[in-house]
Amino acid sequence: MTQLLIAVLIVLTGSALCSSTEAALFSVPLVRVRQLGETRKPAALALLKIRQKMSRPIATIVILNNIANIVGSIVVGDIATQVLGSQWLGLVSGLLTFLVIIFAEIIPKTLGERYAEWIGLLVARPVLLLTRIFTPLVWCIEKLIAPITRGRRYPVTNEAEIRLLAHIGSQEGIINKRESDMIQRVFRLNDLTADDIMTPRVNLTYLHGDRTLGEARSAILTSQHSRIIVIGNSIDNIQGIVFKNELLAAMVEGKYDQPIVSFAHEPQFVPQSTHADRLLEVFQRTRRHLVVVLDEFGGTAGVVTLEDVLEVLTGEIVDETDTVIDLRHVVRRRRQRPE
């Protein structure tokens, strides 16, 4: 009888170890495993190697689990026949099946999922060793099932999942709402274009390039903008961008007879279809804080500033000189107004 109990215990223990290991390896998020891998600890590196290519380690675990269940059941049945007689074989088999379901499947897999990281790090190196030992057998199985399992590999995650995780993290208090909102807005950078966030041409402040500093003195002093576009004979003829502080410094020096265009810096142009994340790269590369947006015909559609792009991430930025919070909203309302 003792021999029978020991055999049952060995079967349950072997199957439970395989079940909990399988559940743990599948439950540890790949992102977390990569984070652990940065510590360069052997167990973490082994776990990362397994998670990056799960097929062979999992196949090894499944093989061991089936060996424990099938071979173990045969051995237990044989011992039960010898000890109790063949009339008790059906009862022993049914009882063993029940014990396997509870103590070798449900409970171990639940624990494996709950303590996935700890168990994963604990078993990673032994699993890699067993995988090397079973490589010939696993290789044969892979070749056998390749026609069925071959297909497209899907990415680990996607934008929708990351946005959902940020929302769930905010609800559960893992991150605060401001951080969640910022993550959501980051994805909007690729959804919005220059046409969506620009200040349209009807609301642009500009100076005529052929006018002198003295002639434009009033317009410069009353302008609320630190950067002003300079135009030629029309707003579609952009000659450059002037900095208000440079114009004020020239006034102090008495250079009132110089034309505005002489203070202009070379403008940067982008098409309306440029995405906001690309605009941010343009600002970083050119070290400019304002770009001119061109429409499909090459005319001036509006301007976009670095502040406009940052507002996609932070929300509306208003300083003490702003009299209209959102010029784009004002223009949209004018367009919708019936004639």
Protein backbone atom coordinates (compact mmCIF):
# COMPACT_ATOMS: atom_id res chain seq x y z
CA MET A 1 0.00 0.00 0.00
CA THR A 2 2.84 2.37 0.82
CA GLN A 3 4.30 1.71 -2.60
CA LEU A 4 1.01 2.72 -4.22
CA LEU A 5 0.78 5.96 -2.24
CA ILE A 6 4.37 6.87 -3.14
CA ALA A 7 3.67 6.25 -6.84
CA VAL A 8 0.55 8.45 -6.74
CA LEU A 9 2.51 11.18 -4.94
CA ILE A 10 5.29 11.06 -7.56
CA VAL A 11 2.76 11.32 -10.40
CA LEU A 12 0.97 14.28 -8.81
CA THR A 13 4.21 16.08 -7.95
CA GLY A 14 5.72 15.67 -11.42
CA SER A 15 2.54 16.74 -13.18
CA ALA A 16 2.02 19.68 -10.79
CA LEU A 17 5.56 20.97 -11.39
CA CYS A 18 5.04 20.87 -15.14
CA SER A 19 1.64 22.56 -14.94
CA SER A 20 2.76 25.38 -12.65
CA THR A 21 5.90 25.95 -14.73
CA GLU A 22 3.92 26.16 -17.97
CA ALA A 23 1.39 28.58 -16.47
CA ALA A 24 4.12 30.77 -14.97
CA LEU A 25 6.12 31.03 -18.20
CA PHE A 26 3.02 32.06 -20.14
CA SER A 27 1.86 34.51 -17.46
CA VAL A 28 5.02 36.61 -17.02
CA PRO A 29 4.61 39.62 -19.38
CA LEU A 30 7.36 39.87 -21.98
CA VAL A 31 7.86 43.55 -21.15
CA ARG A 32 8.51 42.64 -17.50
CA VAL A 33 10.88 39.85 -18.54
CA ARG A 34 12.86 42.30 -20.69
CA GLN A 35 13.03 44.66 -17.74
CA LEU A 36 14.37 41.82 -15.54
CA GLY A 37 16.85 40.91 -18.28
CA GLU A 38 18.46 44.32 -17.94
CA THR A 39 19.73 43.23 -14.49
CA ARG A 40 21.92 40.66 -16.33
CA LYS A 41 21.21 38.04 -13.65
CA PRO A 42 21.52 34.44 -14.97
CA ALA A 43 17.96 33.46 -14.03
CA ALA A 44 16.53 36.61 -15.63
CA LEU A 45 18.54 36.08 -18.82
CA ALA A 46 17.39 32.45 -18.97
CA LEU A 47 13.77 33.53 -18.54
CA LEU A 48 14.19 36.15 -21.28
CA LYS A 49 15.63 33.54 -23.62
CA ILE A 50 12.65 31.28 -22.97
CA ARG A 51 10.05 34.05 -23.45
CA GLN A 52 11.64 35.19 -26.70
CA LYS A 53 11.18 31.71 -28.17
CA MET A 54 8.62 29.72 -26.24
CA SER A 55 7.93 26.84 -28.60
CA ARG A 56 10.74 24.44 -27.60
CA PRO A 57 10.67 25.03 -23.81
CA ILE A 58 6.88 24.62 -23.74
CA ALA A 59 7.09 21.52 -25.92
CA THR A 60 9.62 20.09 -23.47
CA ILE A 61 7.34 20.81 -20.51
CA VAL A 62 4.33 19.28 -22.28
CA ILE A 63 6.33 16.13 -23.06
CA LEU A 64 7.41 15.79 -19.42
CA ASN A 65 3.86 16.43 -18.22
CA ASN A 66 2.47 13.73 -20.45
CA ILE A 67 5.19 11.31 -19.40
CA ALA A 68 4.27 11.96 -15.77
CA ASN A 69 0.54 11.52 -16.43
CA ILE A 70 0.55 8.61 -18.89
CA VAL A 71 3.49 6.56 -17.66
CA GLY A 72 2.59 7.38 -14.06
CA SER A 73 -1.00 6.20 -14.58
CA ILE A 74 0.24 2.93 -16.05
CA VAL A 75 2.61 2.35 -13.14
CA VAL A 76 -0.04 3.27 -10.56
CA GLY A 77 -2.55 0.95 -12.24
CA ASP A 78 -0.07 -1.92 -12.24
CA ILE A 79 0.78 -1.42 -8.57
CA ALA A 80 -2.91 -1.09 -7.66
CA THR A 81 -3.66 -4.40 -9.41
CA GLN A 82 -0.89 -6.13 -7.50
CA VAL A 83 -1.85 -4.64 -4.10
CA LEU A 84 -5.67 -4.39 -4.27
CA GLY A 85 -6.58 -6.68 -7.10
CA SER A 86 -7.98 -5.99 -10.57
CA GLN A 87 -11.49 -5.36 -9.22
CA TRP A 88 -10.29 -2.09 -7.68
CA LEU A 89 -8.47 -0.83 -10.82
CA GLY A 90 -11.42 1.22 -12.11
CA LEU A 91 -11.90 2.96 -8.75
CA VAL A 92 -8.17 3.71 -8.43
CA SER A 93 -8.05 5.10 -11.99
CA GLY A 94 -11.05 7.36 -11.35
CA LEU A 95 -9.61 8.59 -8.05
CA LEU A 96 -6.22 9.22 -9.67
CA THR A 97 -7.88 11.21 -12.47
CA PHE A 98 -9.72 13.35 -9.90
CA LEU A 99 -6.51 13.97 -7.95
CA VAL A 100 -4.64 14.91 -11.13
CA ILE A 101 -7.32 17.43 -12.13
CA ILE A 102 -7.32 19.11 -8.71
CA PHE A 103 -3.74 18.80 -7.45
CA ALA A 104 -1.80 18.55 -10.73
CA GLU A 105 -3.76 20.93 -12.96
CA ILE A 106 -6.11 23.46 -11.35
CA ILE A 107 -4.19 24.33 -8.18
CA PRO A 108 -0.66 24.35 -9.74
CA LYS A 109 -1.76 26.45 -12.74
CA THR A 110 -3.55 28.90 -10.46
CA LEU A 111 -0.43 29.25 -8.32
CA GLY A 112 1.75 29.47 -11.43
CA GLU A 113 -0.29 32.38 -12.73
CA ARG A 114 -0.44 34.12 -9.35
CA TYR A 115 3.30 33.85 -8.64
CA ALA A 116 4.41 33.85 -12.26
CA GLU A 117 7.51 36.03 -11.92
CA TRP A 118 8.92 34.23 -8.87
CA ILE A 119 8.27 30.75 -10.29
CA GLY A 120 9.49 31.78 -13.75
CA LEU A 121 12.85 32.94 -12.40
CA LEU A 122 13.13 29.81 -10.26
CA VAL A 123 12.54 27.30 -13.08
CA ALA A 124 14.05 29.19 -16.05
CA ARG A 125 17.52 27.66 -15.91
CA PRO A 126 16.35 24.05 -15.26
CA VAL A 127 13.86 24.40 -18.14
CA LEU A 128 16.63 25.54 -20.50
CA LEU A 129 18.73 22.54 -19.46
CA LEU A 130 15.85 20.12 -20.03
CA THR A 131 15.12 21.78 -23.37
CA ARG A 132 18.68 21.04 -24.53
CA ILE A 133 18.34 17.41 -23.41
CA PHE A 134 15.03 16.96 -25.25
CA THR A 135 16.09 18.93 -28.35
CA PRO A 136 16.21 15.89 -30.72
CA LEU A 137 12.72 14.77 -29.72
CA VAL A 138 11.32 18.34 -29.81
CA TRP A 139 12.92 18.91 -33.22
CA CYS A 140 11.16 15.85 -34.64
CA ILE A 141 7.84 17.04 -33.22
CA GLU A 142 8.38 20.54 -34.68
CA LYS A 143 8.97 19.10 -38.14
CA LEU A 144 5.88 16.93 -37.79
CA ILE A 145 3.53 19.77 -36.84
CA ALA A 146 5.20 22.53 -38.91
CA PRO A 147 2.54 22.47 -41.70
CA ILE A 148 -0.14 23.18 -39.09
CA THR A 149 1.64 25.74 -36.90
CA ARG A 150 3.38 27.69 -39.66
CA GLY A 151 1.88 31.14 -40.13
CA ARG A 152 2.16 34.83 -39.41
CA ARG A 153 3.65 35.89 -36.07
CA TYR A 154 1.71 38.66 -34.42
CA PRO A 155 3.33 41.51 -32.44
CA VAL A 156 3.57 41.28 -28.66
CA THR A 157 1.31 44.30 -28.18
CA ASN A 158 -0.33 47.15 -30.08
CA GLU A 159 -1.37 50.76 -29.59
CA ALA A 160 -4.90 49.92 -28.45
CA GLU A 161 -3.59 47.57 -25.74
CA ILE A 162 -1.09 50.12 -24.43
CA ARG A 163 -3.79 52.81 -24.26
CA LEU A 164 -6.12 50.40 -22.46
CA LEU A 165 -3.38 49.45 -19.98
CA ALA A 166 -2.77 53.14 -19.27
CA HIS A 167 -6.50 53.61 -18.61
CA ILE A 168 -6.67 50.53 -16.36
CA GLY A 169 -3.49 51.62 -14.55
CA SER A 170 -5.10 54.97 -13.80
CA GLN A 171 -8.30 53.34 -12.53
CA GLU A 172 -6.36 50.97 -10.25
CA GLY A 173 -4.06 53.70 -8.94
CA ILE A 174 -0.86 52.28 -10.43
CA ILE A 175 -0.30 55.55 -12.29
CA ASN A 176 -2.05 58.85 -11.68
CA LYS A 177 -4.60 60.33 -14.07
CA ARG A 178 -2.21 62.98 -15.40
CA GLU A 179 0.26 60.29 -16.45
CA SER A 180 -2.52 58.26 -18.08
CA ASP A 181 -3.79 61.32 -19.96
CA MET A 182 -0.24 62.10 -21.14
CA ILE A 183 0.18 58.56 -22.51
CA GLN A 184 -3.14 58.83 -24.34
CA ARG A 185 -2.09 62.18 -25.85
CA VAL A 186 1.27 60.84 -27.03
CA PHE A 187 -0.56 58.54 -29.44
CA ARG A 188 -2.47 61.54 -30.80
CA LEU A 189 0.78 62.94 -32.20
CA ASN A 190 0.64 60.42 -35.02
CA ASP A 191 -3.09 60.94 -35.55
CA LEU A 192 -3.05 64.74 -35.96
CA THR A 193 -1.53 66.62 -38.88
CA ALA A 194 -0.26 70.16 -39.33
CA ASP A 195 -3.65 71.04 -40.80
CA ASP A 196 -5.34 70.02 -37.52
CA ILE A 197 -3.19 72.07 -35.15
CA MET A 198 -2.05 75.07 -37.23
CA THR A 199 -3.15 78.67 -36.82
CA PRO A 200 -4.88 79.29 -40.18
CA ARG A 201 -3.90 82.08 -42.56
CA VAL A 202 -6.95 84.21 -41.74
CA ASN A 203 -5.63 84.66 -38.20
CA LEU A 204 -1.95 85.18 -38.98
CA THR A 205 -0.05 88.22 -37.81
CA TYR A 206 2.46 89.35 -40.44
CA LEU A 207 4.64 92.26 -41.51
CA HIS A 208 5.34 93.46 -45.04
CA GLY A 209 8.98 92.96 -45.89
CA ASP A 210 9.33 96.18 -47.89
CA ARG A 211 8.20 98.38 -45.03
CA THR A 212 10.83 100.01 -42.83
CA LEU A 213 11.23 99.36 -39.15
CA GLY A 214 9.86 102.82 -38.45
CA GLU A 215 6.76 102.26 -40.57
CA ALA A 216 6.03 98.94 -38.86
CA ARG A 217 6.83 100.26 -35.38
CA SER A 218 3.23 100.30 -34.13
CA ALA A 219 2.43 96.81 -35.43
CA ILE A 220 5.58 95.42 -33.81
CA LEU A 221 4.92 96.98 -30.42
CA THR A 222 1.31 95.78 -30.28
CA SER A 223 2.04 92.25 -31.50
CA GLN A 224 1.65 89.52 -28.87
CA HIS A 225 3.91 87.12 -30.77
CA SER A 226 7.63 86.60 -30.30
CA ARG A 227 7.96 85.42 -33.92
CA ILE A 228 6.24 87.16 -36.82
CA ILE A 229 6.14 86.10 -40.45
CA VAL A 230 7.32 88.52 -43.15
CA ILE A 231 5.47 88.56 -46.48
CA GLY A 232 6.02 90.06 -49.91
CA ASN A 233 3.20 91.15 -52.16
CA SER A 234 0.79 88.57 -50.64
CA ILE A 235 0.51 86.18 -47.75
CA ASP A 236 1.42 83.34 -50.12
CA ASN A 237 4.84 84.95 -50.60
CA ILE A 238 6.58 84.27 -47.29
CA GLN A 239 9.97 86.00 -47.16
CA GLY A 240 11.04 84.90 -43.70
CA ILE A 241 10.47 85.00 -39.96
CA VAL A 242 11.51 87.87 -37.69
CA PHE A 243 12.03 87.77 -33.94
CA LYS A 244 10.29 90.52 -32.04
CA ASN A 245 13.18 90.94 -29.60
CA GLU A 246 15.58 91.56 -32.49
CA LEU A 247 13.25 94.22 -33.94
CA LEU A 248 12.95 95.93 -30.55
CA ALA A 249 16.72 95.88 -30.15
CA ALA A 250 17.07 97.49 -33.61
CA MET A 251 14.60 100.20 -32.58
CA VAL A 252 16.68 100.96 -29.52
CA GLU A 253 19.71 101.29 -31.80
CA GLY A 254 17.78 103.70 -34.06
CA LYS A 255 17.68 101.52 -37.20
CA TYR A 256 14.24 102.79 -38.21
CA ASP A 257 15.13 103.17 -41.90
CA GLN A 258 16.03 99.51 -42.43
CA PRO A 259 13.45 97.30 -44.20
CA ILE A 260 11.79 94.55 -42.19
CA VAL A 261 13.03 91.89 -44.60
CA SER A 262 16.63 92.64 -43.62
CA PHE A 263 15.93 91.17 -40.17
CA ALA A 264 14.19 88.06 -41.51
CA HIS A 265 15.45 84.53 -40.94
CA GLU A 266 14.94 81.78 -43.51
CA PRO A 267 11.50 80.19 -43.07
CA GLN A 268 10.88 76.46 -42.69
CA PHE A 269 8.03 75.00 -44.77
CA VAL A 270 6.03 71.81 -44.22
CA PRO A 271 3.00 70.36 -46.07
CA GLN A 272 -0.43 70.21 -44.45
CA SER A 273 -0.25 66.42 -44.24
CA THR A 274 2.79 66.40 -41.93
CA HIS A 275 1.97 64.51 -38.73
CA ALA A 276 2.49 66.14 -35.35
CA ASP A 277 5.20 63.70 -34.29
CA ARG A 278 7.09 64.51 -37.48
CA LEU A 279 6.67 68.24 -36.74
CA LEU A 280 8.29 67.70 -33.36
CA GLU A 281 11.29 66.11 -35.10
CA VAL A 282 11.47 69.10 -37.49
CA PHE A 283 11.54 71.52 -34.56
CA GLN A 284 14.28 69.51 -32.85
CA ARG A 285 16.40 69.17 -36.00
CA THR A 286 16.12 72.75 -37.26
CA ARG A 287 16.02 74.39 -33.81
CA ARG A 288 13.10 76.48 -35.05
CA HIS A 289 9.96 77.16 -33.05
CA LEU A 290 7.72 78.10 -35.99
CA VAL A 291 7.11 76.54 -39.39
CA VAL A 292 4.94 77.68 -42.30
CA VAL A 293 2.31 75.19 -43.46
CA LEU A 294 1.74 74.95 -47.23
CA ASP A 295 -1.47 73.76 -48.85
CA GLU A 296 -1.66 71.38 -51.82
CA PHE A 297 -1.17 74.29 -54.26
CA GLY A 298 1.93 75.65 -52.52
CA GLY A 299 0.10 78.56 -50.91
CA THR A 300 0.26 79.51 -47.25
CA ALA A 301 -2.27 77.52 -45.22
CA GLY A 302 -1.11 78.71 -41.79
CA VAL A 303 1.68 78.33 -39.27
CA VAL A 304 2.49 75.79 -36.57
CA THR A 305 4.61 76.57 -33.52
CA LEU A 306 6.39 74.28 -31.11
CA GLU A 307 3.79 75.32 -28.55
CA ASP A 308 1.00 74.01 -30.81
CA VAL A 309 2.62 70.56 -30.88
CA LEU A 310 3.30 70.53 -27.14
CA GLU A 311 -0.35 71.41 -26.50
CA VAL A 312 -1.28 68.06 -28.05
CA LEU A 313 0.58 66.46 -25.12
CA THR A 314 -0.19 68.88 -22.31
CA GLY A 315 -3.49 70.50 -23.25
CA GLU A 316 -4.01 74.19 -23.91
CA ILE A 317 -1.09 76.44 -22.90
CA VAL A 318 -2.22 80.01 -22.24
CA ASP A 319 0.02 82.86 -21.15
CA GLU A 320 -0.88 86.25 -19.69
CA THR A 321 -0.90 87.97 -23.10
CA ASP A 322 -3.38 85.62 -24.79
CA THR A 323 -6.75 87.26 -25.42
CA VAL A 324 -8.14 84.33 -27.46
CA ILE A 325 -7.37 80.89 -26.09
CA ASP A 326 -7.81 78.86 -29.27
CA LEU A 327 -7.69 80.69 -32.60
CA ARG A 328 -8.36 77.44 -34.47
CA HIS A 329 -11.65 77.03 -32.60
CA VAL A 330 -12.63 80.60 -33.46
CA VAL A 331 -11.98 80.01 -37.15
CA ARG A 332 -13.98 76.78 -37.17
CA ARG A 333 -16.94 78.60 -35.66
CA ARG A 334 -16.69 81.32 -38.31
CA ARG A 335 -16.66 78.73 -41.07
CA GLN A 336 -19.77 77.06 -39.65
CA ARG A 337 -21.64 80.39 -39.33
CA PRO A 338 -24.39 80.69 -42.00
CA GLU A 339 -23.95 83.45 -44.59
